[in-house]
Amino acid sequence: MALEWFEALENVRNFTFKIITPQGSGTGFLITLREQNICGIATAYHVIDHAYTREEPIKLLQTTTNKTLLLRAADRYVFPNPANDAAIIMFMKGDLQVNTDLLALSPEDKYLKPGSKIAWAGYPAIAPDECSFFSGHISCYLNVAKAYLVDGVAINGISGGPAFAIVGDSVQVIGSVSAYIPNRVTGECLPGVCFVTAVQFFHEFIKDLDSLEDAKQEEGSAELVTVGSVVPAVTPRPHAA
């Protein structure tokens, strides 16, 4: 039996974080957990761009537990992909309570067809403490950019949030919210589309982490892959907008 959307949101909320920087806020979600101690949170690159390049603090708020974690430059390692407006923040989880049964990513070699219904979640500026629900239908998939255009709304604070679909009785993350692109053809700001970066970059990142950990195992090293010692090779792709 397929999940209801409110059930899917409850599931997604457990992995979703509010990201706060000196310039503003956005959303991120847990995509990898290494040895139960090293977390990887996905977000939109523009959410953390200024804090990352200027080594300013990034604060994570876990609203389901009301726990926070302040990450200074030395406490984190960021894997940026500006071309796709995507980034991964790696850090030691500290007091955060993270679920080890992670959300599934949709297959990297498949995409949802136009007309498919999806949803996304995040912390909008008008309700900054609430993990809010948005939904719409896929308008098209941009193969070169590896991104979706979605008939739906994304407002300040939602950037970086997980976009997800219900597949049978489970939730699959299909990407992260990048932007809302209004229609300005007539000079007015008319309704537009939500731009969602697909999961390919996240799959590449996780595979690179796995390869590095396997290499350490083959070398006979029992130590964990530490934050800052892993630099996955990512080939940026042109952004569509």
Protein backbone atom coordinates (compact mmCIF):
# COMPACT_ATOMS: atom_id res chain seq x y z
CA MET A 1 0.00 0.00 0.00
CA ALA A 2 1.42 3.37 -1.01
CA LEU A 3 2.30 5.91 1.62
CA GLU A 4 0.24 9.03 2.13
CA TRP A 5 2.09 12.29 1.55
CA PHE A 6 1.84 13.28 5.20
CA GLU A 7 3.53 9.98 6.10
CA ALA A 8 6.27 10.64 3.58
CA LEU A 9 6.85 14.09 5.08
CA GLU A 10 7.13 12.63 8.58
CA ASN A 11 9.81 10.27 7.29
CA VAL A 12 11.72 12.98 5.44
CA ARG A 13 11.54 15.40 8.38
CA ASN A 14 13.69 13.04 10.46
CA PHE A 15 16.61 13.60 8.08
CA THR A 16 16.13 17.30 7.39
CA PHE A 17 18.09 20.17 8.93
CA LYS A 18 17.79 23.91 8.91
CA ILE A 19 21.09 25.47 7.84
CA ILE A 20 21.87 28.90 9.27
CA THR A 21 24.73 31.13 8.13
CA PRO A 22 25.57 34.79 8.87
CA GLN A 23 23.85 35.70 5.58
CA GLY A 24 20.61 33.75 5.93
CA SER A 25 19.22 30.24 6.08
CA GLY A 26 18.38 27.25 3.94
CA THR A 27 17.73 23.54 4.22
CA GLY A 28 19.83 20.39 4.07
CA PHE A 29 19.29 16.66 4.46
CA LEU A 30 21.35 13.69 5.60
CA ILE A 31 22.54 11.48 2.74
CA THR A 32 25.42 9.51 4.26
CA LEU A 33 26.58 8.35 7.67
CA ARG A 34 30.04 6.83 8.08
CA GLU A 35 30.73 4.52 11.04
CA GLN A 36 27.75 6.10 12.83
CA ASN A 37 29.85 9.17 13.54
CA ILE A 38 30.65 11.15 10.37
CA CYS A 39 27.64 12.77 8.72
CA GLY A 40 27.19 14.07 5.20
CA ILE A 41 24.44 16.63 4.64
CA ALA A 42 23.40 17.65 1.14
CA THR A 43 22.26 21.17 0.35
CA ALA A 44 22.27 23.79 -2.39
CA TYR A 45 25.68 25.38 -2.89
CA HIS A 46 24.31 28.92 -2.79
CA VAL A 47 22.99 28.33 0.75
CA ILE A 48 26.52 28.01 2.13
CA ASP A 49 28.58 29.71 -0.60
CA HIS A 50 29.48 32.84 1.37
CA ALA A 51 30.13 31.01 4.65
CA TYR A 52 32.18 28.35 2.87
CA THR A 53 34.43 30.66 0.86
CA ARG A 54 34.96 33.04 3.79
CA GLU A 55 35.31 30.30 6.41
CA GLU A 56 32.40 31.61 8.45
CA PRO A 57 30.41 29.41 10.87
CA ILE A 58 27.55 27.23 9.68
CA LYS A 59 24.89 26.27 12.21
CA LEU A 60 22.73 23.17 11.89
CA LEU A 61 19.34 22.96 13.61
CA GLN A 62 17.66 19.58 14.00
CA THR A 63 14.07 20.59 14.69
CA THR A 64 12.85 17.08 15.51
CA THR A 65 15.13 17.02 18.58
CA ASN A 66 15.71 20.77 18.99
CA LYS A 67 19.45 20.14 18.92
CA THR A 68 21.94 22.45 17.24
CA LEU A 69 25.51 22.06 16.06
CA LEU A 70 27.82 24.97 15.24
CA LEU A 71 30.36 24.09 12.56
CA ARG A 72 33.34 26.39 12.28
CA ALA A 73 35.68 26.07 9.32
CA ALA A 74 37.92 23.58 11.15
CA ASP A 75 34.92 21.43 12.13
CA ARG A 76 33.70 20.62 8.65
CA TYR A 77 34.73 19.72 5.14
CA VAL A 78 32.66 20.97 2.22
CA PHE A 79 32.50 19.29 -1.18
CA PRO A 80 31.18 22.00 -3.53
CA ASN A 81 29.67 21.70 -6.98
CA PRO A 82 28.73 25.29 -7.92
CA ALA A 83 27.89 24.35 -11.51
CA ASN A 84 25.01 22.22 -10.26
CA ASP A 85 24.27 24.36 -7.19
CA ALA A 86 24.97 21.38 -4.95
CA ALA A 87 27.22 20.76 -1.96
CA ILE A 88 27.93 18.19 0.74
CA ILE A 89 28.94 19.18 4.29
CA MET A 90 30.88 16.48 6.15
CA PHE A 91 31.30 16.71 9.93
CA MET A 92 31.37 14.74 13.19
CA LYS A 93 27.79 14.39 14.41
CA GLY A 94 28.45 15.36 18.02
CA ASP A 95 25.19 15.48 20.00
CA LEU A 96 22.95 15.25 16.96
CA GLN A 97 20.63 12.25 16.96
CA VAL A 98 20.72 10.78 13.47
CA ASN A 99 18.72 7.90 12.07
CA THR A 100 20.98 5.18 10.65
CA ASP A 101 18.27 3.96 8.26
CA LEU A 102 18.87 6.63 5.63
CA LEU A 103 16.47 7.79 2.96
CA ALA A 104 16.93 6.03 -0.36
CA LEU A 105 18.21 7.97 -3.36
CA SER A 106 16.45 7.36 -6.65
CA PRO A 107 18.55 5.37 -9.16
CA GLU A 108 21.19 7.52 -10.84
CA ASP A 109 20.48 6.08 -14.30
CA LYS A 110 16.73 6.78 -14.19
CA TYR A 111 14.54 9.85 -13.95
CA LEU A 112 10.88 10.46 -13.26
CA LYS A 113 8.69 11.14 -16.27
CA PRO A 114 6.94 14.48 -16.85
CA GLY A 115 3.58 14.47 -15.09
CA SER A 116 4.88 12.54 -12.08
CA LYS A 117 3.95 14.05 -8.73
CA ILE A 118 6.74 14.86 -6.29
CA ALA A 119 7.13 16.87 -3.09
CA TRP A 120 9.85 18.81 -1.33
CA ALA A 121 10.42 20.00 2.21
CA GLY A 122 12.30 22.77 3.96
CA TYR A 123 12.24 25.76 6.28
CA PRO A 124 10.63 28.75 4.55
CA ALA A 125 11.52 32.23 5.78
CA ILE A 126 7.86 32.91 6.61
CA ALA A 127 7.72 29.84 8.92
CA PRO A 128 11.40 29.39 9.82
CA ASP A 129 10.91 26.80 12.56
CA GLU A 130 8.56 24.51 10.64
CA CYS A 131 9.66 21.83 8.21
CA SER A 132 7.06 22.63 5.56
CA PHE A 133 5.62 20.61 2.71
CA PHE A 134 5.39 21.63 -0.96
CA SER A 135 4.33 19.60 -3.96
CA GLY A 136 3.89 19.74 -7.72
CA HIS A 137 4.28 17.80 -10.94
CA ILE A 138 7.41 17.38 -13.02
CA SER A 139 7.24 19.55 -16.10
CA CYS A 140 10.34 18.13 -17.75
CA TYR A 141 13.75 16.60 -17.13
CA LEU A 142 16.80 18.49 -18.40
CA ASN A 143 19.23 15.79 -19.44
CA VAL A 144 22.29 18.00 -19.92
CA ALA A 145 21.86 19.79 -16.58
CA LYS A 146 20.66 16.63 -14.79
CA ALA A 147 17.80 18.59 -13.25
CA TYR A 148 14.01 18.77 -13.12
CA LEU A 149 11.69 21.67 -13.80
CA VAL A 150 8.69 21.28 -11.52
CA ASP A 151 5.31 23.01 -11.56
CA GLY A 152 5.47 24.20 -7.97
CA VAL A 153 6.72 26.84 -5.55
CA ALA A 154 10.02 27.27 -3.75
CA ILE A 155 10.58 30.32 -1.54
CA ASN A 156 13.44 31.67 0.57
CA GLY A 157 14.65 29.07 3.07
CA ILE A 158 13.60 26.04 1.03
CA SER A 159 16.81 25.94 -1.04
CA GLY A 160 18.76 22.75 -0.46
CA GLY A 161 15.75 20.84 0.81
CA PRO A 162 15.07 17.27 -0.33
CA ALA A 163 12.77 16.69 -3.29
CA PHE A 164 11.18 13.26 -3.00
CA ALA A 165 8.71 10.84 -4.51
CA ILE A 166 6.59 8.04 -3.11
CA VAL A 167 7.56 4.71 -4.67
CA GLY A 168 5.26 1.97 -3.41
CA ASP A 169 5.55 1.94 0.37
CA SER A 170 8.79 3.94 0.56
CA VAL A 171 10.23 7.39 -0.05
CA GLN A 172 12.96 8.10 -2.58
CA VAL A 173 14.92 11.34 -2.76
CA ILE A 174 15.09 12.51 -6.37
CA GLY A 175 17.18 15.65 -5.82
CA SER A 176 17.52 18.94 -3.94
CA VAL A 177 15.75 22.26 -4.43
CA SER A 178 17.97 24.78 -6.20
CA ALA A 179 15.82 27.75 -7.18
CA TYR A 180 12.44 29.14 -8.12
CA ILE A 181 12.48 30.58 -11.63
CA PRO A 182 9.66 33.11 -12.14
CA ASN A 183 8.28 34.02 -15.54
CA ARG A 184 9.48 37.54 -16.38
CA VAL A 185 8.80 37.48 -20.13
CA THR A 186 6.25 40.32 -19.86
CA GLY A 187 8.33 42.31 -17.37
CA GLU A 188 6.15 41.23 -14.47
CA CYS A 189 7.04 38.52 -11.96
CA LEU A 190 4.56 35.78 -12.88
CA PRO A 191 4.35 32.19 -11.60
CA GLY A 192 7.25 30.07 -12.74
CA VAL A 193 8.81 26.69 -11.99
CA CYS A 194 10.86 25.10 -9.26
CA PHE A 195 14.36 23.98 -10.32
CA VAL A 196 15.47 20.71 -8.70
CA THR A 197 19.01 19.35 -9.05
CA ALA A 198 18.80 15.58 -9.59
CA VAL A 199 20.67 12.99 -7.49
CA GLN A 200 23.56 12.19 -9.85
CA PHE A 201 26.09 14.36 -7.97
CA PHE A 202 25.13 12.75 -4.66
CA HIS A 203 25.53 9.25 -6.11
CA GLU A 204 28.97 10.18 -7.46
CA PHE A 205 29.99 11.58 -4.11
CA ILE A 206 28.92 8.47 -2.17
CA LYS A 207 30.63 6.14 -4.67
CA ASP A 208 33.86 8.14 -4.34
CA LEU A 209 33.66 7.90 -0.55
CA ASP A 210 33.11 4.14 -0.79
CA SER A 211 36.09 3.79 -3.13
CA LEU A 212 38.36 5.72 -0.78
CA GLU A 213 37.26 3.64 2.20
CA ASP A 214 37.82 0.42 0.24
CA ALA A 215 41.30 1.63 -0.68
CA LYS A 216 42.09 2.24 2.98
CA GLN A 217 40.86 -1.25 3.84
CA GLU A 218 43.11 -2.78 1.15
CA GLU A 219 46.06 -0.88 2.56
CA GLY A 220 45.39 -2.56 5.90
CA SER A 221 44.48 0.62 7.69
CA ALA A 222 41.82 0.27 10.36
CA GLU A 223 41.39 4.01 10.87
CA LEU A 224 38.26 5.75 9.67
CA VAL A 225 38.23 8.03 6.68
CA THR A 226 38.42 11.33 8.50
CA VAL A 227 36.67 14.53 7.57
CA GLY A 228 38.96 16.52 5.31
CA SER A 229 40.86 13.52 3.97
CA VAL A 230 38.39 12.65 1.23
CA VAL A 231 38.14 14.63 -1.97
CA PRO A 232 35.81 12.93 -4.46
CA ALA A 233 36.49 13.74 -8.09
CA VAL A 234 33.45 15.60 -9.42
CA THR A 235 33.16 16.89 -12.96
CA PRO A 236 30.92 20.00 -12.89
CA ARG A 237 28.11 20.09 -15.43
CA PRO A 238 26.57 23.23 -16.93
CA HIS A 239 23.75 24.72 -14.92
CA ALA A 240 20.48 25.14 -16.73
CA ALA A 241 19.48 28.51 -15.34
